[in-house]
PDB file of N, CA and C in Angstrom:
ATOM      1  N   UNK A   1      25.033  46.484  58.279  1.00  0.00           N
ATOM      2  CA  UNK A   1      24.185  46.074  57.833  1.00  0.00           C
ATOM      3  C   UNK A   1      24.041  44.871  58.558  1.00  0.00           C
ATOM      4  N   UNK A   2      25.139  44.077  58.402  1.00  0.00           N
ATOM      5  CA  UNK A   2      25.290  42.741  58.364  1.00  0.00           C
ATOM      6  C   UNK A   2      24.589  42.072  57.457  1.00  0.00           C
ATOM      7  N   UNK A   3      24.885  40.256  57.190  1.00  0.00           N
ATOM      8  CA  UNK A   3      24.612  39.634  55.886  1.00  0.00           C
ATOM      9  C   UNK A   3      23.440  39.068  56.354  1.00  0.00           C
ATOM     10  N   UNK A   4      22.406  39.797  54.537  1.00  0.00           N
ATOM     11  CA  UNK A   4      20.655  39.257  54.764  1.00  0.00           C
ATOM     12  C   UNK A   4      20.800  37.921  54.295  1.00  0.00           C
ATOM     13  N   UNK A   5      21.963  36.761  54.028  1.00  0.00           N
ATOM     14  CA  UNK A   5      21.690  36.016  53.783  1.00  0.00           C
ATOM     15  C   UNK A   5      22.450  34.627  54.255  1.00  0.00           C
ATOM     16  N   UNK A   6      21.882  33.747  54.391  1.00  0.00           N
ATOM     17  CA  UNK A   6      22.308  32.022  55.294  1.00  0.00           C
ATOM     18  C   UNK A   6      22.396  31.439  54.079  1.00  0.00           C
ATOM     19  N   UNK A   7      23.687  30.609  54.140  1.00  0.00           N
ATOM     20  CA  UNK A   7      23.771  29.411  53.295  1.00  0.00           C
ATOM     21  C   UNK A   7      23.661  28.595  53.829  1.00  0.00           C
ATOM     22  N   UNK A   8      23.326  27.285  53.274  1.00  0.00           N
ATOM     23  CA  UNK A   8      22.982  26.053  53.605  1.00  0.00           C
ATOM     24  C   UNK A   8      24.064  24.972  52.147  1.00  0.00           C
ATOM     25  N   UNK A   9      24.565  23.956  52.873  1.00  0.00           N
ATOM     26  CA  UNK A   9      25.338  23.280  52.211  1.00  0.00           C
ATOM     27  C   UNK A   9      24.638  21.890  51.733  1.00  0.00           C
ATOM     28  N   UNK A  10      24.224  21.412  50.258  1.00  0.00           N
ATOM     29  CA  UNK A  10      23.537  20.630  49.805  1.00  0.00           C
ATOM     30  C   UNK A  10      23.999  19.130  50.136  1.00  0.00           C
ATOM     31  N   UNK A  11      23.115  17.992  50.098  1.00  0.00           N
ATOM     32  CA  UNK A  11      23.133  16.909  50.752  1.00  0.00           C
ATOM     33  C   UNK A  11      24.080  16.257  50.195  1.00  0.00           C
ATOM     34  N   UNK A  12      24.944  15.535  50.296  1.00  0.00           N
ATOM     35  CA  UNK A  12      26.123  14.628  49.685  1.00  0.00           C
ATOM     36  C   UNK A  12      25.668  14.389  48.483  1.00  0.00           C
ATOM     37  N   UNK A  13      24.409  13.659  48.288  1.00  0.00           N
ATOM     38  CA  UNK A  13      23.997  13.257  46.934  1.00  0.00           C
ATOM     39  C   UNK A  13      23.262  14.513  46.041  1.00  0.00           C
ATOM     40  N   UNK A  14      23.300  15.401  46.786  1.00  0.00           N
ATOM     41  CA  UNK A  14      23.042  16.700  45.421  1.00  0.00           C
ATOM     42  C   UNK A  14      24.651  17.384  45.329  1.00  0.00           C
ATOM     43  N   UNK A  15      25.712  17.193  45.751  1.00  0.00           N
ATOM     44  CA  UNK A  15      26.644  18.072  45.700  1.00  0.00           C
ATOM     45  C   UNK A  15      27.147  18.338  44.367  1.00  0.00           C
ATOM     46  N   UNK A  16      27.177  16.907  43.691  1.00  0.00           N
ATOM     47  CA  UNK A  16      27.642  17.112  42.351  1.00  0.00           C
ATOM     48  C   UNK A  16      26.937  18.368  41.809  1.00  0.00           C
ATOM     49  N   UNK A  17      25.676  18.278  42.000  1.00  0.00           N
ATOM     50  CA  UNK A  17      24.706  19.364  41.194  1.00  0.00           C
ATOM     51  C   UNK A  17      24.870  20.801  41.632  1.00  0.00           C
ATOM     52  N   UNK A  18      24.824  20.824  43.018  1.00  0.00           N
ATOM     53  CA  UNK A  18      24.664  22.371  43.534  1.00  0.00           C
ATOM     54  C   UNK A  18      25.871  22.593  44.661  1.00  0.00           C
ATOM     55  N   UNK A  19      26.233  23.991  44.496  1.00  0.00           N
ATOM     56  CA  UNK A  19      27.162  24.264  44.927  1.00  0.00           C
ATOM     57  C   UNK A  19      26.645  24.859  46.115  1.00  0.00           C
ATOM     58  N   UNK A  20      25.526  25.504  46.637  1.00  0.00           N
ATOM     59  CA  UNK A  20      24.708  25.925  47.704  1.00  0.00           C
ATOM     60  C   UNK A  20      23.558  26.438  47.697  1.00  0.00           C
ATOM     61  N   UNK A  21      22.643  25.998  48.527  1.00  0.00           N
ATOM     62  CA  UNK A  21      21.347  26.725  48.796  1.00  0.00           C
ATOM     63  C   UNK A  21      21.479  28.004  49.765  1.00  0.00           C
ATOM     64  N   UNK A  22      20.590  28.794  49.361  1.00  0.00           N
ATOM     65  CA  UNK A  22      20.731  30.356  50.104  1.00  0.00           C
ATOM     66  C   UNK A  22      19.091  31.084  50.389  1.00  0.00           C
ATOM     67  N   UNK A  23      19.716  31.628  51.547  1.00  0.00           N
ATOM     68  CA  UNK A  23      17.978  32.465  51.647  1.00  0.00           C
ATOM     69  C   UNK A  23      18.413  33.907  51.851  1.00  0.00           C
ATOM     70  N   UNK A  24      17.708  34.746  51.154  1.00  0.00           N
ATOM     71  CA  UNK A  24      17.640  36.046  51.272  1.00  0.00           C
ATOM     72  C   UNK A  24      16.565  36.748  52.466  1.00  0.00           C
ATOM     73  N   UNK A  25      16.979  37.485  53.273  1.00  0.00           N
ATOM     74  CA  UNK A  25      15.826  38.731  54.041  1.00  0.00           C
ATOM     75  C   UNK A  25      16.437  39.931  53.539  1.00  0.00           C
ATOM     76  N   UNK A  26      16.154  40.972  52.354  1.00  0.00           N
ATOM     77  CA  UNK A  26      16.523  41.919  51.732  1.00  0.00           C
ATOM     78  C   UNK A  26      15.524  43.256  52.426  1.00  0.00           C
ATOM     79  N   UNK A  27      16.403  44.177  52.747  1.00  0.00           N
ATOM     80  CA  UNK A  27      15.503  45.491  53.163  1.00  0.00           C
ATOM     81  C   UNK A  27      14.390  44.698  53.967  1.00  0.00           C
ATOM     82  N   UNK A  28      15.016  43.901  55.373  1.00  0.00           N
ATOM     83  CA  UNK A  28      14.157  43.617  56.453  1.00  0.00           C
ATOM     84  C   UNK A  28      13.593  44.721  57.166  1.00  0.00           C
ATOM     85  N   UNK A  29      14.175  45.963  57.653  1.00  0.00           N
ATOM     86  CA  UNK A  29      13.646  46.816  58.324  1.00  0.00           C
ATOM     87  C   UNK A  29      12.670  47.636  57.461  1.00  0.00           C
ATOM     88  N   UNK A  30      13.112  47.995  56.219  1.00  0.00           N
ATOM     89  CA  UNK A  30      11.959  48.713  55.263  1.00  0.00           C
ATOM     90  C   UNK A  30      12.275  50.304  55.358  1.00  0.00           C
ATOM     91  N   UNK A  31      13.172  50.775  56.221  1.00  0.00           N
ATOM     92  CA  UNK A  31      12.819  52.253  56.867  1.00  0.00           C
ATOM     93  C   UNK A  31      12.810  53.356  55.220  1.00  0.00           C
ATOM     94  N   UNK A  32      14.170  52.368  54.214  1.00  0.00           N
ATOM     95  CA  UNK A  32      14.396  53.419  53.049  1.00  0.00           C
ATOM     96  C   UNK A  32      14.614  52.138  52.393  1.00  0.00           C
ATOM     97  N   UNK A  33      14.369  52.325  50.849  1.00  0.00           N
ATOM     98  CA  UNK A  33      14.601  51.482  49.980  1.00  0.00           C
ATOM     99  C   UNK A  33      16.400  51.421  49.928  1.00  0.00           C
ATOM    100  N   UNK A  34      16.082  49.838  49.603  1.00  0.00           N
ATOM    101  CA  UNK A  34      17.465  49.562  49.363  1.00  0.00           C
ATOM    102  C   UNK A  34      18.085  49.081  47.947  1.00  0.00           C
ATOM    103  N   UNK A  35      19.382  49.362  47.713  1.00  0.00           N
ATOM    104  CA  UNK A  35      20.139  48.947  45.762  1.00  0.00           C
ATOM    105  C   UNK A  35      21.380  48.136  46.600  1.00  0.00           C
ATOM    106  N   UNK A  36      21.168  47.208  45.788  1.00  0.00           N
ATOM    107  CA  UNK A  36      22.627  45.984  46.007  1.00  0.00           C
ATOM    108  C   UNK A  36      22.912  45.974  44.317  1.00  0.00           C
ATOM    109  N   UNK A  37      24.528  46.001  44.322  1.00  0.00           N
ATOM    110  CA  UNK A  37      24.755  45.388  43.077  1.00  0.00           C
ATOM    111  C   UNK A  37      25.020  44.300  42.865  1.00  0.00           C
ATOM    112  N   UNK A  38      24.730  43.332  41.836  1.00  0.00           N
ATOM    113  CA  UNK A  38      25.203  41.780  42.013  1.00  0.00           C
ATOM    114  C   UNK A  38      26.135  41.568  41.117  1.00  0.00           C
ATOM    115  N   UNK A  39      27.140  41.344  41.088  1.00  0.00           N
ATOM    116  CA  UNK A  39      28.405  41.021  40.234  1.00  0.00           C
ATOM    117  C   UNK A  39      28.000  39.402  39.805  1.00  0.00           C
ATOM    118  N   UNK A  40      28.293  39.398  38.520  1.00  0.00           N
ATOM    119  CA  UNK A  40      28.585  37.685  37.783  1.00  0.00           C
ATOM    120  C   UNK A  40      29.601  37.036  38.615  1.00  0.00           C
ATOM    121  N   UNK A  41      29.097  35.844  39.000  1.00  0.00           N
ATOM    122  CA  UNK A  41      29.784  34.595  39.652  1.00  0.00           C
ATOM    123  C   UNK A  41      29.906  33.538  38.312  1.00  0.00           C
ATOM    124  N   UNK A  42      29.779  33.061  37.771  1.00  0.00           N
ATOM    125  CA  UNK A  42      29.732  32.340  36.810  1.00  0.00           C
ATOM    126  C   UNK A  42      29.182  31.302  36.762  1.00  0.00           C
ATOM    127  N   UNK A  43      27.805  31.271  37.460  1.00  0.00           N
ATOM    128  CA  UNK A  43      26.538  29.981  37.782  1.00  0.00           C
ATOM    129  C   UNK A  43      25.350  30.494  37.478  1.00  0.00           C
ATOM    130  N   UNK A  44      24.592  29.441  37.395  1.00  0.00           N
ATOM    131  CA  UNK A  44      22.925  29.428  37.182  1.00  0.00           C
ATOM    132  C   UNK A  44      22.301  29.464  38.837  1.00  0.00           C
ATOM    133  N   UNK A  45      21.531  30.229  38.870  1.00  0.00           N
ATOM    134  CA  UNK A  45      20.697  30.419  39.831  1.00  0.00           C
ATOM    135  C   UNK A  45      19.294  30.477  39.803  1.00  0.00           C
ATOM    136  N   UNK A  46      18.546  29.590  40.511  1.00  0.00           N
ATOM    137  CA  UNK A  46      16.841  29.423  40.690  1.00  0.00           C
ATOM    138  C   UNK A  46      16.666  30.493  41.935  1.00  0.00           C
ATOM    139  N   UNK A  47      16.038  31.384  41.368  1.00  0.00           N
ATOM    140  CA  UNK A  47      15.855  32.343  42.594  1.00  0.00           C
ATOM    141  C   UNK A  47      14.429  32.400  42.686  1.00  0.00           C
ATOM    142  N   UNK A  48      13.600  32.070  44.096  1.00  0.00           N
ATOM    143  CA  UNK A  48      11.983  31.693  43.943  1.00  0.00           C
ATOM    144  C   UNK A  48      11.891  33.116  45.515  1.00  0.00           C
ATOM    145  N   UNK A  49      11.065  33.840  45.051  1.00  0.00           N
ATOM    146  CA  UNK A  49      10.230  34.760  46.235  1.00  0.00           C
ATOM    147  C   UNK A  49       9.710  34.012  46.930  1.00  0.00           C
ATOM    148  N   UNK A  50       9.324  34.356  48.117  1.00  0.00           N
ATOM    149  CA  UNK A  50       9.008  33.514  49.533  1.00  0.00           C
ATOM    150  C   UNK A  50       7.655  34.197  50.196  1.00  0.00           C
ATOM    151  N   UNK A  51       7.540  35.623  49.317  1.00  0.00           N
ATOM    152  CA  UNK A  51       6.685  36.448  50.333  1.00  0.00           C
ATOM    153  C   UNK A  51       5.858  37.249  48.887  1.00  0.00           C
ATOM    154  N   UNK A  52       4.631  38.117  48.961  1.00  0.00           N
ATOM    155  CA  UNK A  52       4.163  38.872  47.888  1.00  0.00           C
ATOM    156  C   UNK A  52       4.997  40.014  47.174  1.00  0.00           C
ATOM    157  N   UNK A  53       5.714  40.415  48.230  1.00  0.00           N
ATOM    158  CA  UNK A  53       6.600  41.631  47.788  1.00  0.00           C
ATOM    159  C   UNK A  53       7.953  41.143  46.799  1.00  0.00           C
ATOM    160  N   UNK A  54       8.121  41.485  46.127  1.00  0.00           N
ATOM    161  CA  UNK A  54       9.198  41.216  44.706  1.00  0.00           C
ATOM    162  C   UNK A  54      10.305  42.533  45.128  1.00  0.00           C
ATOM    163  N   UNK A  55      11.901  42.058  44.366  1.00  0.00           N
ATOM    164  CA  UNK A  55      12.986  43.189  44.350  1.00  0.00           C
ATOM    165  C   UNK A  55      12.208  43.610  42.679  1.00  0.00           C
ATOM    166  N   UNK A  56      12.842  44.755  42.587  1.00  0.00           N
ATOM    167  CA  UNK A  56      12.728  45.172  41.187  1.00  0.00           C
ATOM    168  C   UNK A  56      14.302  45.591  40.212  1.00  0.00           C
ATOM    169  N   UNK A  57      13.883  44.570  39.467  1.00  0.00           N
ATOM    170  CA  UNK A  57      14.583  44.426  38.254  1.00  0.00           C
ATOM    171  C   UNK A  57      14.697  45.414  37.212  1.00  0.00           C
ATOM    172  N   UNK A  58      16.019  46.216  36.311  1.00  0.00           N
ATOM    173  CA  UNK A  58      15.848  47.282  35.230  1.00  0.00           C
ATOM    174  C   UNK A  58      15.592  46.276  33.966  1.00  0.00           C
ATOM    175  N   UNK A  59      14.737  46.772  33.264  1.00  0.00           N
ATOM    176  CA  UNK A  59      14.685  45.930  31.853  1.00  0.00           C
ATOM    177  C   UNK A  59      14.002  46.988  30.720  1.00  0.00           C
ATOM    178  N   UNK A  60      13.701  46.781  29.437  1.00  0.00           N
ATOM    179  CA  UNK A  60      13.788  47.814  28.222  1.00  0.00           C
ATOM    180  C   UNK A  60      12.756  48.885  28.971  1.00  0.00           C
ATOM    181  N   UNK A  61      11.609  48.297  29.956  1.00  0.00           N
ATOM    182  CA  UNK A  61      10.490  49.249  30.170  1.00  0.00           C
ATOM    183  C   UNK A  61      10.709  50.229  31.355  1.00  0.00           C
ATOM    184  N   UNK A  62      12.203  49.893  31.885  1.00  0.00           N
ATOM    185  CA  UNK A  62      12.395  50.494  33.132  1.00  0.00           C
ATOM    186  C   UNK A  62      12.493  49.807  34.523  1.00  0.00           C
ATOM    187  N   UNK A  63      12.196  50.155  35.536  1.00  0.00           N
ATOM    188  CA  UNK A  63      11.982  49.428  36.141  1.00  0.00           C
ATOM    189  C   UNK A  63      10.977  48.723  36.955  1.00  0.00           C
ATOM    190  N   UNK A  64      10.783  47.256  37.092  1.00  0.00           N
ATOM    191  CA  UNK A  64       9.498  46.478  37.211  1.00  0.00           C
ATOM    192  C   UNK A  64      10.125  45.215  37.996  1.00  0.00           C
ATOM    193  N   UNK A  65       8.723  44.623  38.855  1.00  0.00           N
ATOM    194  CA  UNK A  65       8.872  43.913  39.650  1.00  0.00           C
ATOM    195  C   UNK A  65       9.714  42.602  39.107  1.00  0.00           C
ATOM    196  N   UNK A  66      10.532  41.528  39.865  1.00  0.00           N
ATOM    197  CA  UNK A  66      10.979  40.961  39.577  1.00  0.00           C
ATOM    198  C   UNK A  66       9.663  39.410  39.688  1.00  0.00           C
ATOM    199  N   UNK A  67       9.693  38.651  38.690  1.00  0.00           N
ATOM    200  CA  UNK A  67       8.309  37.264  38.650  1.00  0.00           C
ATOM    201  C   UNK A  67       8.758  36.606  39.881  1.00  0.00           C
ATOM    202  N   UNK A  68       7.407  36.005  40.147  1.00  0.00           N
ATOM    203  CA  UNK A  68       7.738  35.227  41.519  1.00  0.00           C
ATOM    204  C   UNK A  68       8.617  33.830  41.534  1.00  0.00           C
ATOM    205  N   UNK A  69       9.421  33.260  40.537  1.00  0.00           N
ATOM    206  CA  UNK A  69      10.993  32.514  40.317  1.00  0.00           C
ATOM    207  C   UNK A  69      11.558  32.969  39.098  1.00  0.00           C
ATOM    208  N   UNK A  70      12.746  33.085  38.767  1.00  0.00           N
ATOM    209  CA  UNK A  70      13.485  33.025  37.763  1.00  0.00           C
ATOM    210  C   UNK A  70      14.791  32.317  37.959  1.00  0.00           C
ATOM    211  N   UNK A  71      15.346  32.025  36.827  1.00  0.00           N
ATOM    212  CA  UNK A  71      16.765  31.428  36.162  1.00  0.00           C
ATOM    213  C   UNK A  71      17.681  32.647  36.118  1.00  0.00           C
ATOM    214  N   UNK A  72      18.564  32.900  36.838  1.00  0.00           N
ATOM    215  CA  UNK A  72      19.448  33.923  36.551  1.00  0.00           C
ATOM    216  C   UNK A  72      21.124  33.320  36.238  1.00  0.00           C
ATOM    217  N   UNK A  73      21.410  33.745  35.410  1.00  0.00           N
ATOM    218  CA  UNK A  73      23.036  33.626  35.405  1.00  0.00           C
ATOM    219  C   UNK A  73      24.170  33.656  34.269  1.00  0.00           C
ATOM    220  N   UNK A  74      25.031  33.222  34.263  1.00  0.00           N
ATOM    221  CA  UNK A  74      26.026  33.562  33.353  1.00  0.00           C
ATOM    222  C   UNK A  74      25.653  34.661  32.634  1.00  0.00           C
ATOM    223  N   UNK A  75      25.866  36.057  33.776  1.00  0.00           N
ATOM    224  CA  UNK A  75      25.868  37.509  32.798  1.00  0.00           C
ATOM    225  C   UNK A  75      27.351  38.058  33.003  1.00  0.00           C
ATOM    226  N   UNK A  76      27.490  38.824  32.179  1.00  0.00           N
ATOM    227  CA  UNK A  76      29.253  39.688  32.237  1.00  0.00           C
ATOM    228  C   UNK A  76      29.204  40.921  32.702  1.00  0.00           C
ATOM    229  N   UNK A  77      28.079  41.554  33.227  1.00  0.00           N
ATOM    230  CA  UNK A  77      28.087  42.585  34.028  1.00  0.00           C
ATOM    231  C   UNK A  77      27.165  43.040  35.440  1.00  0.00           C
ATOM    232  N   UNK A  78      27.544  43.698  35.933  1.00  0.00           N
ATOM    233  CA  UNK A  78      27.061  43.575  37.224  1.00  0.00           C
ATOM    234  C   UNK A  78      25.400  44.319  36.834  1.00  0.00           C
ATOM    235  N   UNK A  79      24.409  44.351  37.590  1.00  0.00           N
ATOM    236  CA  UNK A  79      23.374  44.342  37.696  1.00  0.00           C
ATOM    237  C   UNK A  79      22.975  44.686  38.866  1.00  0.00           C
ATOM    238  N   UNK A  80      21.821  45.961  38.968  1.00  0.00           N
ATOM    239  CA  UNK A  80      21.540  46.661  40.411  1.00  0.00           C
ATOM    240  C   UNK A  80      20.004  45.877  40.563  1.00  0.00           C
ATOM    241  N   UNK A  81      19.677  45.708  41.912  1.00  0.00           N
ATOM    242  CA  UNK A  81      18.524  45.261  42.609  1.00  0.00           C
ATOM    243  C   UNK A  81      18.287  46.474  43.492  1.00  0.00           C
ATOM    244  N   UNK A  82      17.126  46.522  43.135  1.00  0.00           N
ATOM    245  CA  UNK A  82      16.243  47.612  43.898  1.00  0.00           C
ATOM    246  C   UNK A  82      15.317  46.845  45.202  1.00  0.00           C
ATOM    247  N   UNK A  83      15.285  46.799  46.618  1.00  0.00           N
ATOM    248  CA  UNK A  83      14.174  46.470  47.611  1.00  0.00           C
ATOM    249  C   UNK A  83      13.254  47.638  47.913  1.00  0.00           C
ATOM    250  N   UNK A  84      12.302  48.058  47.918  1.00  0.00           N
ATOM    251  CA  UNK A  84      11.604  48.978  48.317  1.00  0.00           C
ATOM    252  C   UNK A  84      10.986  48.756  49.318  1.00  0.00           C
ATOM    253  N   UNK A  85      10.673  47.085  49.995  1.00  0.00           N
ATOM    254  CA  UNK A  85      10.145  47.107  51.140  1.00  0.00           C
ATOM    255  C   UNK A  85      10.613  45.582  51.312  1.00  0.00           C
ATOM    256  N   UNK A  86      10.347  44.856  52.392  1.00  0.00           N
ATOM    257  CA  UNK A  86      10.833  43.672  53.025  1.00  0.00           C
ATOM    258  C   UNK A  86      10.823  42.329  51.394  1.00  0.00           C
ATOM    259  N   UNK A  87      11.972  41.799  51.151  1.00  0.00           N
ATOM    260  CA  UNK A  87      11.809  41.103  50.119  1.00  0.00           C
ATOM    261  C   UNK A  87      12.404  39.537  50.765  1.00  0.00           C
ATOM    262  N   UNK A  88      11.968  38.523  50.427  1.00  0.00           N
ATOM    263  CA  UNK A  88      12.438  37.004  51.123  1.00  0.00           C
ATOM    264  C   UNK A  88      12.615  36.326  49.796  1.00  0.00           C
ATOM    265  N   UNK A  89      14.098  35.409  49.758  1.00  0.00           N
ATOM    266  CA  UNK A  89      14.241  34.720  48.608  1.00  0.00           C
ATOM    267  C   UNK A  89      14.430  33.605  48.992  1.00  0.00           C
ATOM    268  N   UNK A  90      14.360  32.753  48.722  1.00  0.00           N
ATOM    269  CA  UNK A  90      15.290  31.246  48.349  1.00  0.00           C
ATOM    270  C   UNK A  90      16.253  31.170  47.146  1.00  0.00           C
ATOM    271  N   UNK A  91      16.801  30.475  47.383  1.00  0.00           N
ATOM    272  CA  UNK A  91      17.772  30.013  45.974  1.00  0.00           C
ATOM    273  C   UNK A  91      18.752  28.605  45.701  1.00  0.00           C
ATOM    274  N   UNK A  92      18.775  28.404  44.633  1.00  0.00           N
ATOM    275  CA  UNK A  92      19.752  27.134  44.567  1.00  0.00           C
ATOM    276  C   UNK A  92      20.914  27.799  43.471  1.00  0.00           C
ATOM    277  N   UNK A  93      21.919  27.939  44.243  1.00  0.00           N
ATOM    278  CA  UNK A  93      22.939  27.836  42.761  1.00  0.00           C
ATOM    279  C   UNK A  93      23.734  26.745  42.428  1.00  0.00           C
ATOM    280  N   UNK A  94      23.634  26.465  41.697  1.00  0.00           N
ATOM    281  CA  UNK A  94      24.018  25.247  40.905  1.00  0.00           C
ATOM    282  C   UNK A  94      25.775  25.508  40.725  1.00  0.00           C
ATOM    283  N   UNK A  95      26.443  24.135  40.315  1.00  0.00           N
ATOM    284  CA  UNK A  95      27.617  23.977  39.868  1.00  0.00           C
ATOM    285  C   UNK A  95      27.423  23.885  38.341  1.00  0.00           C
ATOM    286  N   UNK A  96      28.500  24.401  37.617  1.00  0.00           N
ATOM    287  CA  UNK A  96      28.604  24.419  36.346  1.00  0.00           C
ATOM    288  C   UNK A  96      27.951  23.072  35.698  1.00  0.00           C
ATOM    289  N   UNK A  97      27.475  23.090  34.631  1.00  0.00           N
ATOM    290  CA  UNK A  97      26.396  21.838  34.461  1.00  0.00           C
ATOM    291  C   UNK A  97      25.381  21.508  35.180  1.00  0.00           C
ATOM    292  N   UNK A  98      25.375  21.878  36.311  1.00  0.00           N
ATOM    293  CA  UNK A  98      24.006  21.152  37.364  1.00  0.00           C
ATOM    294  C   UNK A  98      22.876  21.524  36.987  1.00  0.00           C
ATOM    295  N   UNK A  99      22.784  22.426  36.368  1.00  0.00           N
ATOM    296  CA  UNK A  99      20.859  22.589  36.307  1.00  0.00           C
ATOM    297  C   UNK A  99      21.130  21.614  34.888  1.00  0.00           C
ATOM    298  N   UNK A 100      21.883  21.460  33.997  1.00  0.00           N
ATOM    299  CA  UNK A 100      21.580  20.621  33.315  1.00  0.00           C
ATOM    300  C   UNK A 100      20.965  19.260  33.423  1.00  0.00           C
ATOM    301  N   UNK A 101      22.219  18.674  34.622  1.00  0.00           N
ATOM    302  CA  UNK A 101      22.076  17.592  34.756  1.00  0.00           C
ATOM    303  C   UNK A 101      20.875  16.957  35.912  1.00  0.00           C
ATOM    304  N   UNK A 102      20.412  17.942  36.280  1.00  0.00           N
ATOM    305  CA  UNK A 102      19.122  18.033  37.549  1.00  0.00           C
ATOM    306  C   UNK A 102      17.829  17.773  36.560  1.00  0.00           C
ATOM    307  N   UNK A 103      17.727  18.846  35.295  1.00  0.00           N
ATOM    308  CA  UNK A 103      16.667  19.443  34.529  1.00  0.00           C
ATOM    309  C   UNK A 103      16.814  18.692  33.040  1.00  0.00           C
ATOM    310  N   UNK A 104      17.820  18.460  33.154  1.00  0.00           N
ATOM    311  CA  UNK A 104      17.963  17.902  31.506  1.00  0.00           C
ATOM    312  C   UNK A 104      18.006  19.013  30.754  1.00  0.00           C
ATOM    313  N   UNK A 105      18.260  20.176  30.948  1.00  0.00           N
ATOM    314  CA  UNK A 105      18.060  21.613  29.910  1.00  0.00           C
ATOM    315  C   UNK A 105      19.265  22.412  30.013  1.00  0.00           C
ATOM    316  N   UNK A 106      19.269  22.943  28.791  1.00  0.00           N
ATOM    317  CA  UNK A 106      20.373  23.200  27.867  1.00  0.00           C
ATOM    318  C   UNK A 106      20.032  24.935  28.081  1.00  0.00           C
ATOM    319  N   UNK A 107      20.701  26.164  28.126  1.00  0.00           N
ATOM    320  CA  UNK A 107      20.282  27.201  27.981  1.00  0.00           C
ATOM    321  C   UNK A 107      20.899  27.771  26.756  1.00  0.00           C
ATOM    322  N   UNK A 108      22.355  26.919  27.035  1.00  0.00           N
ATOM    323  CA  UNK A 108      22.825  27.910  25.443  1.00  0.00           C
ATOM    324  C   UNK A 108      23.210  26.691  24.492  1.00  0.00           C
ATOM    325  N   UNK A 109      23.304  26.758  23.196  1.00  0.00           N
ATOM    326  CA  UNK A 109      23.555  25.487  22.221  1.00  0.00           C
ATOM    327  C   UNK A 109      24.587  25.660  21.660  1.00  0.00           C
TER     328      UNK A 109
END
């Protein structure tokens, strides 16, 4: 299948806060649904969908389309993501405390 992810190094001024920028083009051929398992990385990411079609995530209601953008991370168990159609995303993977330093926001007290 090859890697659907392209990574970009942050500028020098953002390197203290951002580990990497990446964009993904998942299930580009869309001949059949694609399922991926996401494993914990120990980082916080801002993921933004670049097209109207979104992946599906499992929640208490079952499988539902993901929002236009979401902040994920610091989870302890792998989770599954479904791509039933071509999905394009852009993400910022922050370094530890990076998201706090950029937006002055804490997610845990």
